[in-house]
Amino acid sequence: MRIAILIMWISFVSFSKAETNVYICGNKGAKKYHYKENCRGLSACTQGVKKTGLTQAKGFGLTICGWEN
């Protein structure tokens, strides 16, 4: 029984997609997310660029930057 559970867990972990990282400007007020840390859309960011997961960024209601779309 333990072996079957272990095999199922290994299968799940090995086939799970890794989270895509994106970049946002600061912690508050961001409206867009960026795939590249040096995206042109982040050039005016004064709050510091933060790395986060794509799922979390979309959960905040952020949309993709027009320069990367």
Protein backbone atom coordinates (compact mmCIF):
# COMPACT_ATOMS: atom_id res chain seq x y z
CA MET A 1 0.00 0.00 0.00
CA ARG A 2 2.77 2.46 0.87
CA ILE A 3 4.57 1.72 -2.37
CA ALA A 4 1.41 2.45 -4.38
CA ILE A 5 0.97 5.80 -2.63
CA LEU A 6 4.63 6.64 -3.18
CA ILE A 7 4.37 5.83 -6.89
CA MET A 8 1.24 7.98 -7.22
CA TRP A 9 2.95 10.89 -5.45
CA ILE A 10 6.07 10.64 -7.65
CA SER A 11 3.88 10.56 -10.78
CA PHE A 12 2.00 13.65 -9.64
CA VAL A 13 5.14 15.60 -8.80
CA SER A 14 6.96 14.70 -12.00
CA PHE A 15 4.04 15.63 -14.28
CA SER A 16 3.05 18.86 -12.50
CA LYS A 17 3.88 22.03 -14.40
CA ALA A 18 6.26 24.41 -12.72
CA GLU A 19 4.84 27.83 -11.91
CA THR A 20 5.78 30.52 -14.43
CA ASN A 21 7.45 33.51 -12.82
CA VAL A 22 6.48 37.03 -13.83
CA TYR A 23 7.51 40.52 -12.72
CA ILE A 24 5.37 43.32 -11.35
CA CYS A 25 6.05 46.86 -10.23
CA GLY A 26 5.97 47.12 -6.43
CA ASN A 27 3.48 45.61 -4.04
CA LYS A 28 0.55 47.98 -4.57
CA GLY A 29 -1.00 49.63 -7.57
CA ALA A 30 0.42 47.33 -10.24
CA LYS A 31 -1.91 46.76 -13.19
CA LYS A 32 0.26 44.65 -15.49
CA TYR A 33 2.59 41.68 -15.24
CA HIS A 34 5.69 41.13 -17.33
CA TYR A 35 7.52 37.98 -18.41
CA LYS A 36 10.85 39.80 -18.73
CA GLU A 37 12.45 41.61 -15.80
CA ASN A 38 13.83 44.21 -18.20
CA CYS A 39 10.53 44.78 -20.05
CA ARG A 40 10.05 48.29 -21.43
CA GLY A 41 6.79 48.51 -19.46
CA LEU A 42 8.72 48.36 -16.18
CA SER A 43 11.07 51.23 -17.07
CA ALA A 44 9.07 53.81 -15.09
CA CYS A 45 8.71 51.60 -12.01
CA THR A 46 9.87 53.48 -8.90
CA GLN A 47 8.63 50.99 -6.28
CA GLY A 48 11.02 48.21 -7.25
CA VAL A 49 10.36 45.23 -9.48
CA LYS A 50 9.01 42.16 -7.66
CA LYS A 51 9.08 38.55 -8.87
CA THR A 52 5.88 36.53 -8.36
CA GLY A 53 4.02 33.60 -9.86
CA LEU A 54 1.77 34.00 -12.88
CA THR A 55 -1.18 32.45 -11.02
CA GLN A 56 -0.80 34.93 -8.17
CA ALA A 57 -0.46 37.90 -10.55
CA LYS A 58 -3.65 36.90 -12.36
CA GLY A 59 -5.32 36.40 -8.98
CA PHE A 60 -4.54 40.05 -8.20
CA GLY A 61 -6.40 40.96 -11.40
CA LEU A 62 -3.25 41.92 -13.33
CA THR A 63 -3.13 41.58 -17.10
CA ILE A 64 -0.17 41.12 -19.45
CA CYS A 65 1.84 44.16 -20.43
CA GLY A 66 1.04 45.55 -23.88
CA TRP A 67 4.73 45.55 -24.81
CA GLU A 68 4.84 41.77 -24.38
CA ASN A 69 1.45 40.90 -25.83
